[in-house]
Amino acid sequence: MASSTGPIIAIGAITTANRVIVNGQEIDWRVPIATALAAMGFAFAERWWPRGAVAMSWLALTGLLFVRIDPGTPAPIESFYRWYQGR
């Protein structure tokens, strides 16, 4: 497995979990499909630019945590903060 595959799969898992489990919305099947395609694309790109592909995958994961993908769904950090305040 390529080094960039882990962060890319984590992006898909966090996005889906934030939308479905935390915020109670329906699953958007485009996310798992796009995650699989992105993992294959990054693994392919890692053959020519290993350090860059891995760095971009980690940058994408970090960005995902703080940025809203869908305007109606809070970012994962916002969802975690809301959950933490409710404890």
PDB file of N, CA and C in Angstrom:
ATOM      1  N   MET A   1       0.850  -1.170   0.000  1.00  0.00           N
ATOM      2  CA  MET A   1       0.000   0.000   0.000  1.00  0.00           C
ATOM      3  C   MET A   1       0.900   1.238   0.000  1.00  0.00           C
ATOM      4  N   ALA A   2       0.504   2.224  -0.725  1.00  0.00           N
ATOM      5  CA  ALA A   2       1.267   3.464  -0.836  1.00  0.00           C
ATOM      6  C   ALA A   2       1.176   4.269   0.467  1.00  0.00           C
ATOM      7  N   SER A   3       2.147   5.110   0.697  1.00  0.00           N
ATOM      8  CA  SER A   3       2.177   5.920   1.927  1.00  0.00           C
ATOM      9  C   SER A   3       1.080   6.974   1.963  1.00  0.00           C
ATOM     10  N   SER A   4       0.573   7.363   0.819  1.00  0.00           N
ATOM     11  CA  SER A   4      -0.473   8.381   0.776  1.00  0.00           C
ATOM     12  C   SER A   4      -1.873   7.790   0.933  1.00  0.00           C
ATOM     13  N   THR A   5      -1.987   6.469   0.924  1.00  0.00           N
ATOM     14  CA  THR A   5      -3.306   5.841   0.975  1.00  0.00           C
ATOM     15  C   THR A   5      -3.991   6.035   2.330  1.00  0.00           C
ATOM     16  N   GLY A   6      -3.249   5.949   3.415  1.00  0.00           N
ATOM     17  CA  GLY A   6      -3.829   6.107   4.749  1.00  0.00           C
ATOM     18  C   GLY A   6      -4.525   7.440   4.960  1.00  0.00           C
ATOM     19  N   PRO A   7      -3.832   8.553   4.701  1.00  0.00           N
ATOM     20  CA  PRO A   7      -4.496   9.843   4.864  1.00  0.00           C
ATOM     21  C   PRO A   7      -5.698  10.030   3.940  1.00  0.00           C
ATOM     22  N   ILE A   8      -5.622   9.503   2.721  1.00  0.00           N
ATOM     23  CA  ILE A   8      -6.746   9.650   1.794  1.00  0.00           C
ATOM     24  C   ILE A   8      -7.953   8.860   2.284  1.00  0.00           C
ATOM     25  N   ILE A   9      -7.729   7.645   2.760  1.00  0.00           N
ATOM     26  CA  ILE A   9      -8.843   6.849   3.297  1.00  0.00           C
ATOM     27  C   ILE A   9      -9.398   7.504   4.562  1.00  0.00           C
ATOM     28  N   ALA A  10      -8.528   8.095   5.376  1.00  0.00           N
ATOM     29  CA  ALA A  10      -8.999   8.813   6.566  1.00  0.00           C
ATOM     30  C   ALA A  10      -9.873  10.002   6.178  1.00  0.00           C
ATOM     31  N   ILE A  11      -9.546  10.674   5.093  1.00  0.00           N
ATOM     32  CA  ILE A  11     -10.370  11.790   4.609  1.00  0.00           C
ATOM     33  C   ILE A  11     -11.779  11.306   4.309  1.00  0.00           C
ATOM     34  N   GLY A  12     -11.887  10.211   3.577  1.00  0.00           N
ATOM     35  CA  GLY A  12     -13.207   9.668   3.244  1.00  0.00           C
ATOM     36  C   GLY A  12     -13.971   9.205   4.462  1.00  0.00           C
ATOM     37  N   ALA A  13     -13.273   8.549   5.391  1.00  0.00           N
ATOM     38  CA  ALA A  13     -13.937   8.050   6.595  1.00  0.00           C
ATOM     39  C   ALA A  13     -14.416   9.196   7.489  1.00  0.00           C
ATOM     40  N   ILE A  14     -13.587  10.203   7.657  1.00  0.00           N
ATOM     41  CA  ILE A  14     -13.964  11.345   8.505  1.00  0.00           C
ATOM     42  C   ILE A  14     -15.114  12.116   7.873  1.00  0.00           C
ATOM     43  N   THR A  15     -15.053  12.322   6.573  1.00  0.00           N
ATOM     44  CA  THR A  15     -16.130  13.042   5.888  1.00  0.00           C
ATOM     45  C   THR A  15     -17.455  12.301   6.025  1.00  0.00           C
ATOM     46  N   THR A  16     -17.437  10.996   5.785  1.00  0.00           N
ATOM     47  CA  THR A  16     -18.661  10.202   5.876  1.00  0.00           C
ATOM     48  C   THR A  16     -19.171  10.138   7.308  1.00  0.00           C
ATOM     49  N   ALA A  17     -18.292   9.900   8.266  1.00  0.00           N
ATOM     50  CA  ALA A  17     -18.709   9.820   9.665  1.00  0.00           C
ATOM     51  C   ALA A  17     -19.259  11.152  10.158  1.00  0.00           C
ATOM     52  N   ASN A  18     -18.633  12.252   9.779  1.00  0.00           N
ATOM     53  CA  ASN A  18     -19.112  13.570  10.193  1.00  0.00           C
ATOM     54  C   ASN A  18     -20.505  13.844   9.644  1.00  0.00           C
ATOM     55  N   ARG A  19     -20.730  13.444   8.425  1.00  0.00           N
ATOM     56  CA  ARG A  19     -22.028  13.695   7.788  1.00  0.00           C
ATOM     57  C   ARG A  19     -23.105  12.750   8.312  1.00  0.00           C
ATOM     58  N   VAL A  20     -22.816  11.464   8.365  1.00  0.00           N
ATOM     59  CA  VAL A  20     -23.839  10.461   8.667  1.00  0.00           C
ATOM     60  C   VAL A  20     -24.007  10.243  10.163  1.00  0.00           C
ATOM     61  N   ILE A  21     -22.923   9.946  10.868  1.00  0.00           N
ATOM     62  CA  ILE A  21     -23.027   9.577  12.285  1.00  0.00           C
ATOM     63  C   ILE A  21     -23.229  10.800  13.172  1.00  0.00           C
ATOM     64  N   VAL A  22     -22.406  11.815  12.984  1.00  0.00           N
ATOM     65  CA  VAL A  22     -22.439  12.962  13.884  1.00  0.00           C
ATOM     66  C   VAL A  22     -23.606  13.893  13.589  1.00  0.00           C
ATOM     67  N   ASN A  23     -23.871  14.176  12.311  1.00  0.00           N
ATOM     68  CA  ASN A  23     -24.894  15.157  11.963  1.00  0.00           C
ATOM     69  C   ASN A  23     -26.191  14.554  11.454  1.00  0.00           C
ATOM     70  N   GLY A  24     -26.297  13.230  11.398  1.00  0.00           N
ATOM     71  CA  GLY A  24     -27.557  12.566  11.077  1.00  0.00           C
ATOM     72  C   GLY A  24     -28.096  12.800   9.684  1.00  0.00           C
ATOM     73  N   GLN A  25     -27.228  13.013   8.712  1.00  0.00           N
ATOM     74  CA  GLN A  25     -27.668  13.198   7.331  1.00  0.00           C
ATOM     75  C   GLN A  25     -27.538  11.883   6.578  1.00  0.00           C
ATOM     76  N   GLU A  26     -28.109  11.847   5.394  1.00  0.00           N
ATOM     77  CA  GLU A  26     -27.996  10.645   4.569  1.00  0.00           C
ATOM     78  C   GLU A  26     -26.585  10.526   4.014  1.00  0.00           C
ATOM     79  N   ILE A  27     -26.202   9.280   3.722  1.00  0.00           N
ATOM     80  CA  ILE A  27     -24.871   9.061   3.158  1.00  0.00           C
ATOM     81  C   ILE A  27     -24.840   9.557   1.721  1.00  0.00           C
ATOM     82  N   ASP A  28     -23.765  10.225   1.393  1.00  0.00           N
ATOM     83  CA  ASP A  28     -23.540  10.704   0.038  1.00  0.00           C
ATOM     84  C   ASP A  28     -22.547   9.735  -0.599  1.00  0.00           C
ATOM     85  N   TRP A  29     -23.024   8.882  -1.483  1.00  0.00           N
ATOM     86  CA  TRP A  29     -22.204   7.821  -2.051  1.00  0.00           C
ATOM     87  C   TRP A  29     -21.084   8.356  -2.934  1.00  0.00           C
ATOM     88  N   ARG A  30     -21.137   9.625  -3.264  1.00  0.00           N
ATOM     89  CA  ARG A  30     -20.038  10.184  -4.047  1.00  0.00           C
ATOM     90  C   ARG A  30     -18.749  10.244  -3.233  1.00  0.00           C
ATOM     91  N   VAL A  31     -18.870  10.379  -1.914  1.00  0.00           N
ATOM     92  CA  VAL A  31     -17.680  10.490  -1.069  1.00  0.00           C
ATOM     93  C   VAL A  31     -16.872   9.190  -1.064  1.00  0.00           C
ATOM     94  N   PRO A  32     -17.464   8.015  -0.784  1.00  0.00           N
ATOM     95  CA  PRO A  32     -16.649   6.795  -0.825  1.00  0.00           C
ATOM     96  C   PRO A  32     -16.074   6.499  -2.215  1.00  0.00           C
ATOM     97  N   ILE A  33     -16.835   6.789  -3.249  1.00  0.00           N
ATOM     98  CA  ILE A  33     -16.346   6.547  -4.604  1.00  0.00           C
ATOM     99  C   ILE A  33     -15.173   7.487  -4.912  1.00  0.00           C
ATOM    100  N   ALA A  34     -15.324   8.757  -4.564  1.00  0.00           N
ATOM    101  CA  ALA A  34     -14.242   9.719  -4.793  1.00  0.00           C
ATOM    102  C   ALA A  34     -13.018   9.388  -3.942  1.00  0.00           C
ATOM    103  N   THR A  35     -13.231   8.852  -2.743  1.00  0.00           N
ATOM    104  CA  THR A  35     -12.117   8.454  -1.886  1.00  0.00           C
ATOM    105  C   THR A  35     -11.313   7.336  -2.536  1.00  0.00           C
ATOM    106  N   ALA A  36     -12.006   6.337  -3.068  1.00  0.00           N
ATOM    107  CA  ALA A  36     -11.309   5.233  -3.740  1.00  0.00           C
ATOM    108  C   ALA A  36     -10.533   5.724  -4.957  1.00  0.00           C
ATOM    109  N   LEU A  37     -11.151   6.596  -5.741  1.00  0.00           N
ATOM    110  CA  LEU A  37     -10.459   7.139  -6.914  1.00  0.00           C
ATOM    111  C   LEU A  37      -9.267   8.006  -6.511  1.00  0.00           C
ATOM    112  N   ALA A  38      -9.423   8.789  -5.464  1.00  0.00           N
ATOM    113  CA  ALA A  38      -8.315   9.638  -5.003  1.00  0.00           C
ATOM    114  C   ALA A  38      -7.175   8.788  -4.454  1.00  0.00           C
ATOM    115  N   ALA A  39      -7.488   7.714  -3.734  1.00  0.00           N
ATOM    116  CA  ALA A  39      -6.437   6.836  -3.220  1.00  0.00           C
ATOM    117  C   ALA A  39      -5.652   6.201  -4.364  1.00  0.00           C
ATOM    118  N   MET A  40      -6.363   5.769  -5.402  1.00  0.00           N
ATOM    119  CA  MET A  40      -5.671   5.204  -6.566  1.00  0.00           C
ATOM    120  C   MET A  40      -4.841   6.269  -7.276  1.00  0.00           C
ATOM    121  N   GLY A  41      -5.388   7.462  -7.409  1.00  0.00           N
ATOM    122  CA  GLY A  41      -4.664   8.542  -8.067  1.00  0.00           C
ATOM    123  C   GLY A  41      -3.409   8.952  -7.310  1.00  0.00           C
ATOM    124  N   PHE A  42      -3.510   9.045  -5.990  1.00  0.00           N
ATOM    125  CA  PHE A  42      -2.345   9.414  -5.191  1.00  0.00           C
ATOM    126  C   PHE A  42      -1.305   8.309  -5.197  1.00  0.00           C
ATOM    127  N   ALA A  43      -1.739   7.044  -5.176  1.00  0.00           N
ATOM    128  CA  ALA A  43      -0.784   5.933  -5.261  1.00  0.00           C
ATOM    129  C   ALA A  43      -0.059   5.968  -6.601  1.00  0.00           C
ATOM    130  N   PHE A  44      -0.772   6.298  -7.651  1.00  0.00           N
ATOM    131  CA  PHE A  44      -0.165   6.418  -8.980  1.00  0.00           C
ATOM    132  C   PHE A  44       0.807   7.597  -9.019  1.00  0.00           C
ATOM    133  N   ALA A  45       0.398   8.731  -8.452  1.00  0.00           N
ATOM    134  CA  ALA A  45       1.253   9.925  -8.443  1.00  0.00           C
ATOM    135  C   ALA A  45       2.495   9.722  -7.582  1.00  0.00           C
ATOM    136  N   GLU A  46       2.391   8.833  -6.612  1.00  0.00           N
ATOM    137  CA  GLU A  46       3.517   8.592  -5.711  1.00  0.00           C
ATOM    138  C   GLU A  46       4.685   7.906  -6.418  1.00  0.00           C
ATOM    139  N   ARG A  47       4.434   7.307  -7.553  1.00  0.00           N
ATOM    140  CA  ARG A  47       5.515   6.673  -8.312  1.00  0.00           C
ATOM    141  C   ARG A  47       6.467   7.723  -8.889  1.00  0.00           C
ATOM    142  N   TRP A  48       5.950   8.895  -9.250  1.00  0.00           N
ATOM    143  CA  TRP A  48       6.781   9.934  -9.859  1.00  0.00           C
ATOM    144  C   TRP A  48       7.218  10.997  -8.870  1.00  0.00           C
ATOM    145  N   TRP A  49       6.418  11.258  -7.875  1.00  0.00           N
ATOM    146  CA  TRP A  49       6.742  12.313  -6.905  1.00  0.00           C
ATOM    147  C   TRP A  49       6.362  11.829  -5.503  1.00  0.00           C
ATOM    148  N   PRO A  50       7.135  10.913  -4.930  1.00  0.00           N
ATOM    149  CA  PRO A  50       6.752  10.278  -3.665  1.00  0.00           C
ATOM    150  C   PRO A  50       6.553  11.262  -2.513  1.00  0.00           C
ATOM    151  N   ARG A  51       7.516  12.117  -2.295  1.00  0.00           N
ATOM    152  CA  ARG A  51       7.402  13.046  -1.158  1.00  0.00           C
ATOM    153  C   ARG A  51       6.261  14.040  -1.352  1.00  0.00           C
ATOM    154  N   GLY A  52       6.084  14.505  -2.564  1.00  0.00           N
ATOM    155  CA  GLY A  52       5.027  15.476  -2.847  1.00  0.00           C
ATOM    156  C   GLY A  52       3.635  14.888  -2.702  1.00  0.00           C
ATOM    157  N   ALA A  53       3.437  13.671  -3.180  1.00  0.00           N
ATOM    158  CA  ALA A  53       2.120  13.037  -3.085  1.00  0.00           C
ATOM    159  C   ALA A  53       1.745  12.778  -1.632  1.00  0.00           C
ATOM    160  N   VAL A  54       2.707  12.313  -0.851  1.00  0.00           N
ATOM    161  CA  VAL A  54       2.436  12.064   0.572  1.00  0.00           C
ATOM    162  C   VAL A  54       2.168  13.376   1.294  1.00  0.00           C
ATOM    163  N   ALA A  55       2.952  14.398   1.011  1.00  0.00           N
ATOM    164  CA  ALA A  55       2.743  15.701   1.651  1.00  0.00           C
ATOM    165  C   ALA A  55       1.372  16.275   1.288  1.00  0.00           C
ATOM    166  N   MET A  56       0.976  16.149   0.032  1.00  0.00           N
ATOM    167  CA  MET A  56      -0.333  16.655  -0.390  1.00  0.00           C
ATOM    168  C   MET A  56      -1.474  15.892   0.274  1.00  0.00           C
ATOM    169  N   SER A  57      -1.300  14.587   0.488  1.00  0.00           N
ATOM    170  CA  SER A  57      -2.358  13.817   1.145  1.00  0.00           C
ATOM    171  C   SER A  57      -2.516  14.251   2.602  1.00  0.00           C
ATOM    172  N   TRP A  58      -1.403  14.486   3.285  1.00  0.00           N
ATOM    173  CA  TRP A  58      -1.502  14.958   4.675  1.00  0.00           C
ATOM    174  C   TRP A  58      -2.044  16.383   4.749  1.00  0.00           C
ATOM    175  N   LEU A  59      -1.683  17.207   3.790  1.00  0.00           N
ATOM    176  CA  LEU A  59      -2.223  18.567   3.736  1.00  0.00           C
ATOM    177  C   LEU A  59      -3.731  18.544   3.508  1.00  0.00           C
ATOM    178  N   ALA A  60      -4.184  17.651   2.639  1.00  0.00           N
ATOM    179  CA  ALA A  60      -5.624  17.518   2.389  1.00  0.00           C
ATOM    180  C   ALA A  60      -6.352  17.050   3.645  1.00  0.00           C
ATOM    181  N   LEU A  61      -5.757  16.126   4.385  1.00  0.00           N
ATOM    182  CA  LEU A  61      -6.376  15.649   5.626  1.00  0.00           C
ATOM    183  C   LEU A  61      -6.471  16.769   6.651  1.00  0.00           C
ATOM    184  N   THR A  62      -5.412  17.518   6.804  1.00  0.00           N
ATOM    185  CA  THR A  62      -5.427  18.641   7.748  1.00  0.00           C
ATOM    186  C   THR A  62      -6.451  19.686   7.331  1.00  0.00           C
ATOM    187  N   GLY A  63      -6.522  19.988   6.061  1.00  0.00           N
ATOM    188  CA  GLY A  63      -7.494  20.965   5.572  1.00  0.00           C
ATOM    189  C   GLY A  63      -8.922  20.501   5.777  1.00  0.00           C
ATOM    190  N   LEU A  64      -9.158  19.219   5.579  1.00  0.00           N
ATOM    191  CA  LEU A  64     -10.506  18.673   5.756  1.00  0.00           C
ATOM    192  C   LEU A  64     -11.023  18.903   7.173  1.00  0.00           C
ATOM    193  N   LEU A  65     -10.150  18.789   8.154  1.00  0.00           N
ATOM    194  CA  LEU A  65     -10.582  18.920   9.545  1.00  0.00           C
ATOM    195  C   LEU A  65     -11.103  20.314   9.871  1.00  0.00           C
ATOM    196  N   PHE A  66     -10.607  21.323   9.180  1.00  0.00           N
ATOM    197  CA  PHE A  66     -10.951  22.698   9.528  1.00  0.00           C
ATOM    198  C   PHE A  66     -11.890  23.406   8.555  1.00  0.00           C
ATOM    199  N   VAL A  67     -12.121  22.829   7.388  1.00  0.00           N
ATOM    200  CA  VAL A  67     -12.900  23.506   6.350  1.00  0.00           C
ATOM    201  C   VAL A  67     -14.207  22.766   6.111  1.00  0.00           C
ATOM    202  N   ARG A  68     -15.288  23.537   5.970  1.00  0.00           N
ATOM    203  CA  ARG A  68     -16.582  22.928   5.647  1.00  0.00           C
ATOM    204  C   ARG A  68     -16.595  22.489   4.191  1.00  0.00           C
ATOM    205  N   ILE A  69     -16.950  21.242   3.958  1.00  0.00           N
ATOM    206  CA  ILE A  69     -17.062  20.729   2.598  1.00  0.00           C
ATOM    207  C   ILE A  69     -18.440  21.089   2.044  1.00  0.00           C
ATOM    208  N   ASP A  70     -19.453  20.925   2.870  1.00  0.00           N
ATOM    209  CA  ASP A  70     -20.835  21.232   2.506  1.00  0.00           C
ATOM    210  C   ASP A  70     -21.285  22.369   3.418  1.00  0.00           C
ATOM    211  N   PRO A  71     -21.863  23.443   2.878  1.00  0.00           N
ATOM    212  CA  PRO A  71     -22.264  24.568   3.736  1.00  0.00           C
ATOM    213  C   PRO A  71     -23.255  24.180   4.834  1.00  0.00           C
ATOM    214  N   GLY A  72     -24.028  23.131   4.616  1.00  0.00           N
ATOM    215  CA  GLY A  72     -25.005  22.724   5.619  1.00  0.00           C
ATOM    216  C   GLY A  72     -24.461  21.785   6.680  1.00  0.00           C
ATOM    217  N   THR A  73     -23.236  21.337   6.526  1.00  0.00           N
ATOM    218  CA  THR A  73     -22.622  20.405   7.471  1.00  0.00           C
ATOM    219  C   THR A  73     -21.410  21.066   8.103  1.00  0.00           C
ATOM    220  N   PRO A  74     -21.340  21.089   9.436  1.00  0.00           N
ATOM    221  CA  PRO A  74     -20.165  21.693  10.074  1.00  0.00           C
ATOM    222  C   PRO A  74     -18.892  20.904   9.778  1.00  0.00           C
ATOM    223  N   ALA A  75     -17.766  21.583   9.861  1.00  0.00           N
ATOM    224  CA  ALA A  75     -16.473  20.918   9.705  1.00  0.00           C
ATOM    225  C   ALA A  75     -16.294  19.918  10.851  1.00  0.00           C
ATOM    226  N   PRO A  76     -15.466  18.887  10.676  1.00  0.00           N
ATOM    227  CA  PRO A  76     -15.273  17.911  11.749  1.00  0.00           C
ATOM    228  C   PRO A  76     -14.806  18.529  13.071  1.00  0.00           C
ATOM    229  N   ILE A  77     -13.969  19.543  13.021  1.00  0.00           N
ATOM    230  CA  ILE A  77     -13.531  20.204  14.263  1.00  0.00           C
ATOM    231  C   ILE A  77     -14.709  20.895  14.939  1.00  0.00           C
ATOM    232  N   GLU A  78     -15.581  21.515  14.151  1.00  0.00           N
ATOM    233  CA  GLU A  78     -16.777  22.152  14.718  1.00  0.00           C
ATOM    234  C   GLU A  78     -17.690  21.108  15.359  1.00  0.00           C
ATOM    235  N   SER A  79     -17.869  19.982  14.697  1.00  0.00           N
ATOM    236  CA  SER A  79     -18.714  18.920  15.239  1.00  0.00           C
ATOM    237  C   SER A  79     -18.134  18.379  16.540  1.00  0.00           C
ATOM    238  N   PHE A  80     -16.814  18.176  16.572  1.00  0.00           N
ATOM    239  CA  PHE A  80     -16.172  17.698  17.788  1.00  0.00           C
ATOM    240  C   PHE A  80     -16.305  18.717  18.912  1.00  0.00           C
ATOM    241  N   TYR A  81     -16.130  19.985  18.587  1.00  0.00           N
ATOM    242  CA  TYR A  81     -16.262  21.039  19.601  1.00  0.00           C
ATOM    243  C   TYR A  81     -17.681  21.077  20.173  1.00  0.00           C
ATOM    244  N   ARG A  82     -18.672  20.957  19.311  1.00  0.00           N
ATOM    245  CA  ARG A  82     -20.071  20.936  19.762  1.00  0.00           C
ATOM    246  C   ARG A  82     -20.326  19.735  20.663  1.00  0.00           C
ATOM    247  N   TRP A  83     -19.783  18.578  20.289  1.00  0.00           N
ATOM    248  CA  TRP A  83     -19.939  17.371  21.108  1.00  0.00           C
ATOM    249  C   TRP A  83     -19.226  17.548  22.452  1.00  0.00           C
ATOM    250  N   TYR A  84     -18.017  18.124  22.443  1.00  0.00           N
ATOM    251  CA  TYR A  84     -17.240  18.291  23.654  1.00  0.00           C
ATOM    252  C   TYR A  84     -17.912  19.269  24.625  1.00  0.00           C
ATOM    253  N   GLN A  85     -18.534  20.308  24.110  1.00  0.00           N
ATOM    254  CA  GLN A  85     -19.221  21.269  24.954  1.00  0.00           C
ATOM    255  C   GLN A  85     -20.472  20.676  25.591  1.00  0.00           C
ATOM    256  N   GLY A  86     -21.079  19.699  24.923  1.00  0.00           N
ATOM    257  CA  GLY A  86     -22.292  19.087  25.441  1.00  0.00           C
ATOM    258  C   GLY A  86     -22.060  18.021  26.501  1.00  0.00           C
ATOM    259  N   ARG A  87     -20.805  17.685  26.753  1.00  0.00           N
ATOM    260  CA  ARG A  87     -20.506  16.631  27.718  1.00  0.00           C
ATOM    261  C   ARG A  87     -20.763  17.045  29.112  1.00  0.00           C
TER     262      ARG A  87
END
